[in-house]
C-alpha atoms as a PDB file:
ATOM      1  CA  MET A   1     -10.786  25.758 -24.087  1.00  0.00           C
ATOM      2  CA  LYS A   2     -10.698  22.291 -22.597  1.00  0.00           C
ATOM      3  CA  HIS A   3      -9.744  22.327 -18.922  1.00  0.00           C
ATOM      4  CA  SER A   4      -7.322  19.550 -18.053  1.00  0.00           C
ATOM      5  CA  GLU A   5      -6.948  18.413 -14.452  1.00  0.00           C
ATOM      6  CA  ARG A   6      -4.487  15.916 -13.046  1.00  0.00           C
ATOM      7  CA  HIS A   7      -5.796  13.763 -10.239  1.00  0.00           C
ATOM      8  CA  ARG A   8      -3.941  11.066  -8.368  1.00  0.00           C
ATOM      9  CA  THR A   9      -6.709   8.948  -6.845  1.00  0.00           C
ATOM     10  CA  HIS A  10      -6.314   6.381  -9.627  1.00  0.00           C
ATOM     11  CA  ARG A  11      -2.881   5.649  -8.179  1.00  0.00           C
ATOM     12  CA  THR A  12      -4.026   4.820  -4.665  1.00  0.00           C
ATOM     13  CA  GLY A  13      -4.249   1.044  -5.199  1.00  0.00           C
ATOM     14  CA  TRP A  14      -0.770   0.366  -6.537  1.00  0.00           C
ATOM     15  CA  LEU A  15       0.797   3.298  -4.685  1.00  0.00           C
ATOM     16  CA  ARG A  16      -0.323   2.050  -1.270  1.00  0.00           C
ATOM     17  CA  ALA A  17       0.822  -1.493  -1.996  1.00  0.00           C
ATOM     18  CA  GLY A  18       4.068  -0.324  -3.578  1.00  0.00           C
ATOM     19  CA  VAL A  19       5.064   2.048  -0.775  1.00  0.00           C
ATOM     20  CA  LEU A  20       4.107  -0.524   1.858  1.00  0.00           C
ATOM     21  CA  GLY A  21       6.140  -3.208   0.113  1.00  0.00           C
ATOM     22  CA  ALA A  22       9.285  -1.122  -0.426  1.00  0.00           C
ATOM     23  CA  ASN A  23       9.158   0.348   3.069  1.00  0.00           C
ATOM     24  CA  ASP A  24       8.678  -3.089   4.608  1.00  0.00           C
ATOM     25  CA  GLY A  25      11.483  -4.527   2.484  1.00  0.00           C
ATOM     26  CA  ILE A  26      13.994  -1.906   3.591  1.00  0.00           C
ATOM     27  CA  VAL A  27      12.948  -1.745   7.229  1.00  0.00           C
ATOM     28  CA  SER A  28      12.483  -5.450   7.949  1.00  0.00           C
ATOM     29  CA  THR A  29      15.604  -6.592   6.099  1.00  0.00           C
ATOM     30  CA  ALA A  30      17.838  -3.816   7.428  1.00  0.00           C
ATOM     31  CA  SER A  31      16.518  -4.339  10.949  1.00  0.00           C
ATOM     32  CA  LEU A  32      17.038  -8.088  10.794  1.00  0.00           C
ATOM     33  CA  VAL A  33      20.536  -7.722   9.342  1.00  0.00           C
ATOM     34  CA  LEU A  34      21.456  -5.169  12.011  1.00  0.00           C
ATOM     35  CA  GLY A  35      20.123  -7.430  14.731  1.00  0.00           C
ATOM     36  CA  ILE A  36      22.161 -10.366  13.456  1.00  0.00           C
ATOM     37  CA  ALA A  37      25.241  -8.195  12.937  1.00  0.00           C
ATOM     38  CA  ALA A  38      24.962  -6.943  16.510  1.00  0.00           C
ATOM     39  CA  THR A  39      25.456 -10.515  17.752  1.00  0.00           C
ATOM     40  CA  GLY A  40      28.877 -10.640  16.084  1.00  0.00           C
ATOM     41  CA  ALA A  41      27.788 -13.025  13.314  1.00  0.00           C
ATOM     42  CA  SER A  42      29.926 -13.509  10.217  1.00  0.00           C
ATOM     43  CA  THR A  43      29.245 -11.660   6.980  1.00  0.00           C
ATOM     44  CA  ARG A  44      28.126 -14.920   5.350  1.00  0.00           C
ATOM     45  CA  THR A  45      25.578 -15.572   8.096  1.00  0.00           C
ATOM     46  CA  ILE A  46      24.313 -12.011   7.845  1.00  0.00           C
ATOM     47  CA  LEU A  47      23.969 -12.270   4.073  1.00  0.00           C
ATOM     48  CA  VAL A  48      22.145 -15.615   4.178  1.00  0.00           C
ATOM     49  CA  THR A  49      19.782 -14.225   6.790  1.00  0.00           C
ATOM     50  CA  GLY A  50      19.097 -11.194   4.620  1.00  0.00           C
ATOM     51  CA  VAL A  51      18.397 -13.258   1.506  1.00  0.00           C
ATOM     52  CA  ALA A  52      16.025 -15.479   3.472  1.00  0.00           C
ATOM     53  CA  SER A  53      14.280 -12.340   4.724  1.00  0.00           C
ATOM     54  CA  LEU A  54      13.917 -11.062   1.164  1.00  0.00           C
ATOM     55  CA  VAL A  55      12.363 -14.268  -0.188  1.00  0.00           C
ATOM     56  CA  ALA A  56      10.094 -14.909   2.782  1.00  0.00           C
ATOM     57  CA  GLY A  57       9.031 -11.286   3.039  1.00  0.00           C
ATOM     58  CA  ALA A  58       8.205 -10.926  -0.656  1.00  0.00           C
ATOM     59  CA  MET A  59       6.067 -14.062  -0.613  1.00  0.00           C
ATOM     60  CA  SER A  60       4.386 -13.024   2.610  1.00  0.00           C
ATOM     61  CA  MET A  61       3.582  -9.585   1.237  1.00  0.00           C
ATOM     62  CA  ALA A  62       2.185 -11.040  -1.981  1.00  0.00           C
ATOM     63  CA  ALA A  63       0.039 -13.585  -0.158  1.00  0.00           C
ATOM     64  CA  GLY A  64      -1.150 -11.085   2.443  1.00  0.00           C
ATOM     65  CA  GLU A  65      -2.081  -8.442  -0.105  1.00  0.00           C
ATOM     66  CA  TYR A  66      -3.789 -10.933  -2.389  1.00  0.00           C
ATOM     67  CA  VAL A  67      -5.867 -12.456   0.421  1.00  0.00           C
ATOM     68  CA  SER A  68      -6.857  -9.140   2.002  1.00  0.00           C
ATOM     69  CA  VAL A  69      -7.674  -7.358  -1.261  1.00  0.00           C
ATOM     70  CA  SER A  70      -9.495 -10.457  -2.534  1.00  0.00           C
ATOM     71  CA  SER A  71     -11.692 -10.292   0.560  1.00  0.00           C
ATOM     72  CA  GLN A  72     -12.476  -6.685  -0.297  1.00  0.00           C
ATOM     73  CA  ALA A  73     -13.191  -7.660  -3.908  1.00  0.00           C
ATOM     74  CA  ASP A  74     -15.492 -10.470  -2.754  1.00  0.00           C
ATOM     75  CA  THR A  75     -17.423  -8.056  -0.576  1.00  0.00           C
ATOM     76  CA  GLU A  76     -17.761  -5.585  -3.445  1.00  0.00           C
ATOM     77  CA  SER A  77     -18.915  -8.370  -5.778  1.00  0.00           C
ATOM     78  CA  ALA A  78     -21.516  -9.566  -3.286  1.00  0.00           C
ATOM     79  CA  ASP A  79     -22.844  -6.030  -2.855  1.00  0.00           C
ATOM     80  CA  LEU A  80     -23.062  -5.528  -6.620  1.00  0.00           C
ATOM     81  CA  THR A  81     -24.887  -8.843  -7.070  1.00  0.00           C
ATOM     82  CA  ARG A  82     -27.391  -7.887  -4.397  1.00  0.00           C
ATOM     83  CA  GLU A  83     -27.826  -4.419  -5.886  1.00  0.00           C
ATOM     84  CA  LYS A  84     -28.388  -5.877  -9.348  1.00  0.00           C
ATOM     85  CA  ALA A  85     -31.153  -8.106  -7.998  1.00  0.00           C
ATOM     86  CA  GLU A  86     -32.771  -5.192  -6.172  1.00  0.00           C
ATOM     87  CA  LEU A  87     -32.784  -3.130  -9.356  1.00  0.00           C
ATOM     88  CA  VAL A  88     -34.727  -5.894 -11.098  1.00  0.00           C
ATOM     89  CA  GLU A  89     -37.113  -6.541  -8.209  1.00  0.00           C
ATOM     90  CA  ASN A  90     -37.831  -2.982  -7.083  1.00  0.00           C
ATOM     91  CA  PRO A  91     -36.554  -0.294  -9.479  1.00  0.00           C
ATOM     92  CA  THR A  92     -38.867   2.348  -7.998  1.00  0.00           C
ATOM     93  CA  GLN A  93     -37.366   1.976  -4.533  1.00  0.00           C
ATOM     94  CA  GLU A  94     -33.855   2.027  -5.986  1.00  0.00           C
ATOM     95  CA  HIS A  95     -34.685   5.217  -7.868  1.00  0.00           C
ATOM     96  CA  ALA A  96     -35.938   6.766  -4.640  1.00  0.00           C
ATOM     97  CA  GLU A  97     -32.682   5.830  -2.917  1.00  0.00           C
ATOM     98  CA  LEU A  98     -30.647   7.661  -5.541  1.00  0.00           C
ATOM     99  CA  VAL A  99     -32.932  10.691  -5.333  1.00  0.00           C
ATOM    100  CA  ALA A 100     -32.439  10.822  -1.560  1.00  0.00           C
ATOM    101  CA  ILE A 101     -28.684  10.633  -1.982  1.00  0.00           C
ATOM    102  CA  TYR A 102     -28.618  13.519  -4.459  1.00  0.00           C
ATOM    103  CA  VAL A 103     -30.926  15.617  -2.297  1.00  0.00           C
ATOM    104  CA  LYS A 104     -28.506  15.179   0.625  1.00  0.00           C
ATOM    105  CA  ARG A 105     -25.717  16.387  -1.649  1.00  0.00           C
ATOM    106  CA  GLY A 106     -27.535  19.638  -2.364  1.00  0.00           C
ATOM    107  CA  LEU A 107     -29.886  19.101  -5.320  1.00  0.00           C
ATOM    108  CA  ASP A 108     -33.550  19.975  -5.076  1.00  0.00           C
ATOM    109  CA  GLU A 109     -35.873  16.989  -5.299  1.00  0.00           C
ATOM    110  CA  THR A 110     -37.036  17.680  -8.862  1.00  0.00           C
ATOM    111  CA  LEU A 111     -33.519  17.930 -10.223  1.00  0.00           C
ATOM    112  CA  ALA A 112     -32.381  14.971  -8.115  1.00  0.00           C
ATOM    113  CA  SER A 113     -35.188  12.848  -9.559  1.00  0.00           C
ATOM    114  CA  SER A 114     -34.284  13.883 -13.098  1.00  0.00           C
ATOM    115  CA  VAL A 115     -30.597  13.090 -12.552  1.00  0.00           C
ATOM    116  CA  ALA A 116     -31.425   9.704 -11.010  1.00  0.00           C
ATOM    117  CA  THR A 117     -33.736   8.849 -13.895  1.00  0.00           C
ATOM    118  CA  LYS A 118     -31.143   9.690 -16.538  1.00  0.00           C
ATOM    119  CA  LEU A 119     -28.289   7.921 -14.774  1.00  0.00           C
ATOM    120  CA  MET A 120     -30.352   4.789 -14.226  1.00  0.00           C
ATOM    121  CA  ALA A 121     -31.409   4.804 -17.867  1.00  0.00           C
ATOM    122  CA  HIS A 122     -27.764   5.002 -18.887  1.00  0.00           C
ATOM    123  CA  ASP A 123     -26.349   2.411 -16.416  1.00  0.00           C
ATOM    124  CA  ALA A 124     -28.390   1.780 -13.319  1.00  0.00           C
ATOM    125  CA  LEU A 125     -25.935  -0.614 -11.663  1.00  0.00           C
ATOM    126  CA  ALA A 126     -22.975   1.713 -12.192  1.00  0.00           C
ATOM    127  CA  ALA A 127     -24.930   4.643 -10.761  1.00  0.00           C
ATOM    128  CA  HIS A 128     -25.868   2.724  -7.612  1.00  0.00           C
ATOM    129  CA  ALA A 129     -22.409   1.188  -7.264  1.00  0.00           C
ATOM    130  CA  ARG A 130     -20.798   4.613  -7.377  1.00  0.00           C
ATOM    131  CA  ASP A 131     -23.272   6.728  -5.428  1.00  0.00           C
ATOM    132  CA  GLU A 132     -24.886   4.243  -3.040  1.00  0.00           C
ATOM    133  CA  LEU A 133     -22.092   1.716  -2.429  1.00  0.00           C
ATOM    134  CA  GLY A 134     -19.051   3.888  -3.064  1.00  0.00           C
ATOM    135  CA  ILE A 135     -17.571   1.453  -5.597  1.00  0.00           C
ATOM    136  CA  SER A 136     -15.916   2.816  -8.739  1.00  0.00           C
ATOM    137  CA  ASP A 137     -13.441   1.585 -11.333  1.00  0.00           C
ATOM    138  CA  THR A 138     -10.788   3.896  -9.879  1.00  0.00           C
ATOM    139  CA  LEU A 139     -11.016   2.586  -6.320  1.00  0.00           C
ATOM    140  CA  ALA A 140     -12.147  -0.988  -6.975  1.00  0.00           C
ATOM    141  CA  ALA A 141     -10.130  -3.756  -5.339  1.00  0.00           C
ATOM    142  CA  LYS A 142      -7.507  -5.339  -7.618  1.00  0.00           C
ATOM    143  CA  PRO A 143      -5.953  -8.329  -5.792  1.00  0.00           C
ATOM    144  CA  VAL A 144      -3.394  -9.372  -8.423  1.00  0.00           C
ATOM    145  CA  GLN A 145      -2.162  -5.816  -8.936  1.00  0.00           C
ATOM    146  CA  ALA A 146      -1.774  -5.304  -5.191  1.00  0.00           C
ATOM    147  CA  ALA A 147       0.020  -8.650  -4.719  1.00  0.00           C
ATOM    148  CA  LEU A 148       2.494  -8.071  -7.541  1.00  0.00           C
ATOM    149  CA  ALA A 149       3.174  -4.486  -6.492  1.00  0.00           C
ATOM    150  CA  SER A 150       3.806  -5.502  -2.879  1.00  0.00           C
ATOM    151  CA  ALA A 151       6.024  -8.488  -3.690  1.00  0.00           C
ATOM    152  CA  GLY A 152       8.053  -6.650  -6.322  1.00  0.00           C
ATOM    153  CA  THR A 153       8.609  -3.528  -4.273  1.00  0.00           C
ATOM    154  CA  PHE A 154       9.396  -5.540  -1.132  1.00  0.00           C
ATOM    155  CA  ALA A 155      12.080  -7.442  -3.026  1.00  0.00           C
ATOM    156  CA  ALA A 156      13.465  -4.200  -4.461  1.00  0.00           C
ATOM    157  CA  GLY A 157      13.501  -2.574  -1.040  1.00  0.00           C
ATOM    158  CA  ALA A 158      15.088  -5.599   0.647  1.00  0.00           C
ATOM    159  CA  PHE A 159      17.791  -5.798  -2.014  1.00  0.00           C
ATOM    160  CA  LEU A 160      19.200  -2.398  -1.002  1.00  0.00           C
ATOM    161  CA  PRO A 161      20.332  -3.398   2.534  1.00  0.00           C
ATOM    162  CA  LEU A 162      21.728  -6.651   1.120  1.00  0.00           C
ATOM    163  CA  LEU A 163      23.738  -4.676  -1.400  1.00  0.00           C
ATOM    164  CA  MET A 164      25.199  -2.660   1.464  1.00  0.00           C
ATOM    165  CA  VAL A 165      26.208  -5.871   3.238  1.00  0.00           C
ATOM    166  CA  LEU A 166      28.181  -6.852   0.145  1.00  0.00           C
ATOM    167  CA  VAL A 167      29.947  -3.527  -0.381  1.00  0.00           C
ATOM    168  CA  LEU A 168      30.551  -2.307   3.177  1.00  0.00           C
ATOM    169  CA  PRO A 169      33.550  -3.526   5.200  1.00  0.00           C
ATOM    170  CA  ALA A 170      32.723  -5.551   8.312  1.00  0.00           C
ATOM    171  CA  SER A 171      34.199  -2.859  10.569  1.00  0.00           C
ATOM    172  CA  SER A 172      31.662  -0.246   9.480  1.00  0.00           C
ATOM    173  CA  LEU A 173      28.773  -2.518   8.520  1.00  0.00           C
ATOM    174  CA  MET A 174      26.322  -1.527  11.236  1.00  0.00           C
ATOM    175  CA  LEU A 175      26.810   2.222  10.990  1.00  0.00           C
ATOM    176  CA  GLY A 176      26.955   2.200   7.201  1.00  0.00           C
ATOM    177  CA  LEU A 177      23.920  -0.053   6.857  1.00  0.00           C
ATOM    178  CA  ALA A 178      21.842   2.039   9.251  1.00  0.00           C
ATOM    179  CA  ALA A 179      22.788   5.308   7.542  1.00  0.00           C
ATOM    180  CA  SER A 180      22.237   4.003   4.013  1.00  0.00           C
ATOM    181  CA  SER A 181      18.903   2.397   4.944  1.00  0.00           C
ATOM    182  CA  LEU A 182      17.642   5.658   6.410  1.00  0.00           C
ATOM    183  CA  PHE A 183      18.744   7.410   3.243  1.00  0.00           C
ATOM    184  CA  PHE A 184      16.837   4.860   1.124  1.00  0.00           C
ATOM    185  CA  LEU A 185      13.752   5.315   3.308  1.00  0.00           C
ATOM    186  CA  ALA A 186      13.910   9.086   2.913  1.00  0.00           C
ATOM    187  CA  ILE A 187      14.129   8.709  -0.870  1.00  0.00           C
ATOM    188  CA  LEU A 188      11.157   6.327  -0.776  1.00  0.00           C
ATOM    189  CA  GLY A 189       9.165   8.870   1.212  1.00  0.00           C
ATOM    190  CA  LEU A 190       9.970  11.567  -1.334  1.00  0.00           C
ATOM    191  CA  ILE A 191       8.991   9.332  -4.268  1.00  0.00           C
ATOM    192  CA  ALA A 192       5.711   8.344  -2.585  1.00  0.00           C
ATOM    193  CA  ALA A 193       4.919  11.970  -1.794  1.00  0.00           C
ATOM    194  CA  ARG A 194       5.702  13.028  -5.343  1.00  0.00           C
ATOM    195  CA  ALA A 195       3.494  10.306  -6.823  1.00  0.00           C
ATOM    196  CA  GLY A 196       0.648  10.953  -4.418  1.00  0.00           C
ATOM    197  CA  GLY A 197       0.853  14.734  -4.330  1.00  0.00           C
ATOM    198  CA  SER A 198       1.471  14.973  -0.580  1.00  0.00           C
ATOM    199  CA  PRO A 199       4.011  17.183   1.272  1.00  0.00           C
ATOM    200  CA  LEU A 200       7.544  15.936   0.594  1.00  0.00           C
ATOM    201  CA  LEU A 201       9.125  16.684   3.963  1.00  0.00           C
ATOM    202  CA  VAL A 202       6.284  15.186   5.990  1.00  0.00           C
ATOM    203  CA  SER A 203       6.325  11.962   4.010  1.00  0.00           C
ATOM    204  CA  ALA A 204      10.105  11.555   4.131  1.00  0.00           C
ATOM    205  CA  THR A 205      10.261  12.320   7.862  1.00  0.00           C
ATOM    206  CA  ARG A 206       7.465   9.899   8.689  1.00  0.00           C
ATOM    207  CA  VAL A 207       9.021   6.994   6.808  1.00  0.00           C
ATOM    208  CA  THR A 208      12.526   7.671   8.140  1.00  0.00           C
ATOM    209  CA  PHE A 209      11.429   8.014  11.764  1.00  0.00           C
ATOM    210  CA  TRP A 210       9.656   4.671  11.928  1.00  0.00           C
ATOM    211  CA  GLY A 211      12.463   2.954  10.050  1.00  0.00           C
ATOM    212  CA  ALA A 212      15.039   4.320  12.483  1.00  0.00           C
ATOM    213  CA  LEU A 213      12.950   3.181  15.438  1.00  0.00           C
ATOM    214  CA  ALA A 214      12.598  -0.357  14.057  1.00  0.00           C
ATOM    215  CA  MET A 215      16.302  -0.686  13.258  1.00  0.00           C
ATOM    216  CA  GLY A 216      17.361   0.737  16.606  1.00  0.00           C
ATOM    217  CA  LEU A 217      15.172  -1.630  18.595  1.00  0.00           C
ATOM    218  CA  THR A 218      16.236  -4.682  16.594  1.00  0.00           C
ATOM    219  CA  ALA A 219      19.929  -3.853  16.848  1.00  0.00           C
ATOM    220  CA  GLY A 220      19.472  -3.337  20.579  1.00  0.00           C
ATOM    221  CA  VAL A 221      17.873  -6.747  20.984  1.00  0.00           C
ATOM    222  CA  GLY A 222      20.670  -8.364  18.981  1.00  0.00           C
ATOM    223  CA  ALA A 223      23.356  -6.689  21.076  1.00  0.00           C
ATOM    224  CA  LEU A 224      21.594  -7.533  24.342  1.00  0.00           C
ATOM    225  CA  PHE A 225      20.759 -11.181  23.760  1.00  0.00           C
ATOM    226  CA  GLY A 226      23.068 -12.209  20.927  1.00  0.00           C
ATOM    227  CA  VAL A 227      25.966 -14.585  21.203  1.00  0.00           C
ATOM    228  CA  ALA A 228      28.956 -14.072  18.961  1.00  0.00           C
ATOM    229  CA  ALA A 229      29.036 -16.536  16.093  1.00  0.00           C
END
């Protein structure tokens, strides 16, 4: 009978970018809106500030993710190019490197040599990329995917506090926005934990705690230094 296993490591690229984007969207926008609201600003001013935060934040997340992950991809590409040249120039030494790696992992030298020989005959570059450099298709850097995931999820996360600004009365805006944003963060933590296979309560608590801290500090600054608009 075929044994089927479900692993989640193939999700790490988009999951990290997606969770980071949504979390940042909720926290930064809600914090900024609370800070502005604490100064006594009008609903229109608060809303315009929130929309500006959404647009600027989404673009910043996309650019930041694309640049950082592209740097990782460039490094991986350079390593693969160098490894490819070394395989052509000195295949014996490269074979010995793989053998040493497999011996460290628990194979005896004879078996390690046989495994290295067969893997190099099948796809030498892939074998060295995976076992010597730690580069695989699953974990390889994907700049466009990371940028789109971050920008899209940031915008989605930032939209939630803005929606609350529209539906909540001015008299209960701060309390309602803070409570709803913490609720959204908890849901995000649960979704991330579910997708990644991590403990639900730990993930939700972690995300909610840091969100509450950010919103509390920003609202405090707004109340302390703000001037009513």
